[in-house]
Amino acid sequence: MSYTKGMTTTAAHTNLLAPAPVATDQLAWFADRKAFVAELSDLGPRFAFGRVWNDSCDEGLTLVSHRTGRRVVCVVEWIERDREGDTAYWQLRPVNAPAGTTFTVTIFND
């Protein structure tokens, strides 16, 4: 469940932090699905999701365009687990992207 449900955009961004930066060239882009996809190991051995807002425990990452340097914070919206309860992947969505911009980020736990 997302922390921003029911909040105004302004209220949600007031407490926005800048969690772990990830360059867009570290992920594959699927334009037809508007989706960035990567395996966890592609993000490096020291990668860890970080807090997205200073008043909640939601975690995510900061996607950094390797072309423009623009930063968009993405929050974990869903964690898919396998039969044993291990994390299969994390699904993230942007929280401060420009109006009209929609995409997802999926990080597979390899």
C-alpha atoms as a PDB file:
ATOM      1  CA  MET A   1       0.000   0.000   0.000  1.00  0.00           C
ATOM      2  CA  SER A   2       1.334   3.415  -0.886  1.00  0.00           C
ATOM      3  CA  TYR A   3       1.725   6.186   1.641  1.00  0.00           C
ATOM      4  CA  THR A   4       0.523   8.827  -0.831  1.00  0.00           C
ATOM      5  CA  LYS A   5      -2.967   7.401  -1.349  1.00  0.00           C
ATOM      6  CA  GLY A   6      -5.413  10.089  -0.309  1.00  0.00           C
ATOM      7  CA  MET A   7      -2.716  12.763   0.033  1.00  0.00           C
ATOM      8  CA  THR A   8      -2.330  15.763  -2.213  1.00  0.00           C
ATOM      9  CA  THR A   9       0.736  15.846  -4.423  1.00  0.00           C
ATOM     10  CA  THR A  10       2.075  18.851  -2.523  1.00  0.00           C
ATOM     11  CA  ALA A  11       1.741  17.154   0.859  1.00  0.00           C
ATOM     12  CA  ALA A  12       3.405  13.991  -0.441  1.00  0.00           C
ATOM     13  CA  HIS A  13       6.427  15.864  -1.826  1.00  0.00           C
ATOM     14  CA  THR A  14       7.006  18.038   1.232  1.00  0.00           C
ATOM     15  CA  ASN A  15       8.559  15.107   3.084  1.00  0.00           C
ATOM     16  CA  LEU A  16      10.258  13.490   0.070  1.00  0.00           C
ATOM     17  CA  LEU A  17      13.782  12.183   0.580  1.00  0.00           C
ATOM     18  CA  ALA A  18      16.367  11.078  -2.011  1.00  0.00           C
ATOM     19  CA  PRO A  19      16.905   7.333  -1.534  1.00  0.00           C
ATOM     20  CA  ALA A  20      19.640   5.288  -3.262  1.00  0.00           C
ATOM     21  CA  PRO A  21      20.449   6.680  -6.737  1.00  0.00           C
ATOM     22  CA  VAL A  22      20.273   4.291  -9.708  1.00  0.00           C
ATOM     23  CA  ALA A  23      21.261   5.413 -13.226  1.00  0.00           C
ATOM     24  CA  THR A  24      18.760   4.551 -15.950  1.00  0.00           C
ATOM     25  CA  ASP A  25      21.490   2.879 -17.999  1.00  0.00           C
ATOM     26  CA  GLN A  26      21.673   0.185 -15.290  1.00  0.00           C
ATOM     27  CA  LEU A  27      18.155  -0.944 -16.200  1.00  0.00           C
ATOM     28  CA  ALA A  28      16.527  -2.203 -19.404  1.00  0.00           C
ATOM     29  CA  TRP A  29      13.814   0.057 -20.855  1.00  0.00           C
ATOM     30  CA  PHE A  30      10.729  -1.519 -22.461  1.00  0.00           C
ATOM     31  CA  ALA A  31       9.005   1.367 -24.247  1.00  0.00           C
ATOM     32  CA  ASP A  32       5.883  -0.627 -25.183  1.00  0.00           C
ATOM     33  CA  ARG A  33       5.222  -1.320 -21.482  1.00  0.00           C
ATOM     34  CA  LYS A  34       6.732   1.941 -20.173  1.00  0.00           C
ATOM     35  CA  ALA A  35       8.801  -0.149 -17.806  1.00  0.00           C
ATOM     36  CA  PHE A  36      12.342  -0.188 -16.475  1.00  0.00           C
ATOM     37  CA  VAL A  37      13.518  -3.684 -15.500  1.00  0.00           C
ATOM     38  CA  ALA A  38      16.673  -4.956 -13.798  1.00  0.00           C
ATOM     39  CA  GLU A  39      17.984  -7.747 -11.649  1.00  0.00           C
ATOM     40  CA  LEU A  40      19.069  -6.753  -8.159  1.00  0.00           C
ATOM     41  CA  SER A  41      22.669  -7.768  -8.896  1.00  0.00           C
ATOM     42  CA  ASP A  42      22.728  -5.235 -11.803  1.00  0.00           C
ATOM     43  CA  LEU A  43      22.493  -2.441  -9.231  1.00  0.00           C
ATOM     44  CA  GLY A  44      25.737  -3.388  -7.507  1.00  0.00           C
ATOM     45  CA  PRO A  45      26.703  -5.207  -4.323  1.00  0.00           C
ATOM     46  CA  ARG A  46      26.118  -2.186  -2.079  1.00  0.00           C
ATOM     47  CA  PHE A  47      22.644  -1.308  -3.354  1.00  0.00           C
ATOM     48  CA  ALA A  48      19.839  -1.122  -0.816  1.00  0.00           C
ATOM     49  CA  PHE A  49      16.436   0.525  -1.006  1.00  0.00           C
ATOM     50  CA  GLY A  50      16.205   3.672   1.115  1.00  0.00           C
ATOM     51  CA  ARG A  51      13.455   5.630   2.845  1.00  0.00           C
ATOM     52  CA  VAL A  52      11.288   7.674   0.493  1.00  0.00           C
ATOM     53  CA  TRP A  53       9.626  10.044   2.996  1.00  0.00           C
ATOM     54  CA  ASN A  54      10.985  11.413   6.255  1.00  0.00           C
ATOM     55  CA  ASP A  55       7.772  10.569   8.108  1.00  0.00           C
ATOM     56  CA  SER A  56       7.200   6.977   6.985  1.00  0.00           C
ATOM     57  CA  CYS A  57       9.020   3.695   6.460  1.00  0.00           C
ATOM     58  CA  ASP A  58       8.203   3.275   2.732  1.00  0.00           C
ATOM     59  CA  GLU A  59      11.287   2.377   0.725  1.00  0.00           C
ATOM     60  CA  GLY A  60      12.413   2.986  -2.810  1.00  0.00           C
ATOM     61  CA  LEU A  61      15.154   4.387  -5.006  1.00  0.00           C
ATOM     62  CA  THR A  62      15.998   7.496  -6.979  1.00  0.00           C
ATOM     63  CA  LEU A  63      16.079   6.900 -10.717  1.00  0.00           C
ATOM     64  CA  VAL A  64      18.658   9.195 -12.363  1.00  0.00           C
ATOM     65  CA  SER A  65      18.483   9.749 -16.111  1.00  0.00           C
ATOM     66  CA  HIS A  66      21.858   8.908 -17.633  1.00  0.00           C
ATOM     67  CA  ARG A  67      21.038  11.400 -20.425  1.00  0.00           C
ATOM     68  CA  THR A  68      19.681  14.442 -18.561  1.00  0.00           C
ATOM     69  CA  GLY A  69      20.568  13.876 -14.913  1.00  0.00           C
ATOM     70  CA  ARG A  70      16.907  14.347 -13.931  1.00  0.00           C
ATOM     71  CA  ARG A  71      16.035  12.534 -10.701  1.00  0.00           C
ATOM     72  CA  VAL A  72      12.727  10.773 -10.047  1.00  0.00           C
ATOM     73  CA  VAL A  73      12.029   9.088  -6.727  1.00  0.00           C
ATOM     74  CA  CYS A  74      10.260   5.715  -7.004  1.00  0.00           C
ATOM     75  CA  VAL A  75       8.517   3.915  -4.150  1.00  0.00           C
ATOM     76  CA  VAL A  76       8.049   0.180  -3.696  1.00  0.00           C
ATOM     77  CA  GLU A  77       4.371  -0.421  -4.384  1.00  0.00           C
ATOM     78  CA  TRP A  78       4.303  -4.229  -4.455  1.00  0.00           C
ATOM     79  CA  ILE A  79       6.550  -7.095  -3.353  1.00  0.00           C
ATOM     80  CA  GLU A  80       5.940 -10.413  -5.094  1.00  0.00           C
ATOM     81  CA  ARG A  81       6.885 -13.483  -3.085  1.00  0.00           C
ATOM     82  CA  ASP A  82       7.407 -17.076  -4.198  1.00  0.00           C
ATOM     83  CA  ARG A  83       5.945 -20.182  -2.542  1.00  0.00           C
ATOM     84  CA  GLU A  84       8.690 -20.248   0.081  1.00  0.00           C
ATOM     85  CA  GLY A  85       8.046 -16.613   1.006  1.00  0.00           C
ATOM     86  CA  ASP A  86      11.239 -15.294  -0.603  1.00  0.00           C
ATOM     87  CA  THR A  87      11.054 -12.042  -2.544  1.00  0.00           C
ATOM     88  CA  ALA A  88      10.723 -12.674  -6.297  1.00  0.00           C
ATOM     89  CA  TYR A  89      10.612  -8.990  -7.341  1.00  0.00           C
ATOM     90  CA  TRP A  90       9.810  -5.461  -6.254  1.00  0.00           C
ATOM     91  CA  GLN A  91       7.443  -3.265  -8.290  1.00  0.00           C
ATOM     92  CA  LEU A  92       8.003   0.484  -7.939  1.00  0.00           C
ATOM     93  CA  ARG A  93       6.221   3.566  -9.236  1.00  0.00           C
ATOM     94  CA  PRO A  94       7.371   7.193  -9.509  1.00  0.00           C
ATOM     95  CA  VAL A  95       6.202   9.732  -6.948  1.00  0.00           C
ATOM     96  CA  ASN A  96       7.661  12.964  -8.323  1.00  0.00           C
ATOM     97  CA  ALA A  97       7.728  12.449 -12.105  1.00  0.00           C
ATOM     98  CA  PRO A  98       6.545  15.275 -14.356  1.00  0.00           C
ATOM     99  CA  ALA A  99       2.784  15.439 -14.878  1.00  0.00           C
ATOM    100  CA  GLY A 100       1.615  12.886 -17.420  1.00  0.00           C
ATOM    101  CA  THR A 101       4.702  10.717 -17.044  1.00  0.00           C
ATOM    102  CA  THR A 102       3.913   7.129 -16.166  1.00  0.00           C
ATOM    103  CA  PHE A 103       6.227   4.153 -15.914  1.00  0.00           C
ATOM    104  CA  THR A 104       7.048   1.284 -13.608  1.00  0.00           C
ATOM    105  CA  VAL A 105      10.297  -0.095 -12.273  1.00  0.00           C
ATOM    106  CA  THR A 106      10.647  -3.824 -11.615  1.00  0.00           C
ATOM    107  CA  ILE A 107      13.663  -5.189  -9.763  1.00  0.00           C
ATOM    108  CA  PHE A 108      14.001  -8.976  -9.809  1.00  0.00           C
ATOM    109  CA  ASN A 109      15.637 -10.665  -6.853  1.00  0.00           C
ATOM    110  CA  ASP A 110      18.277 -12.888  -8.445  1.00  0.00           C
END
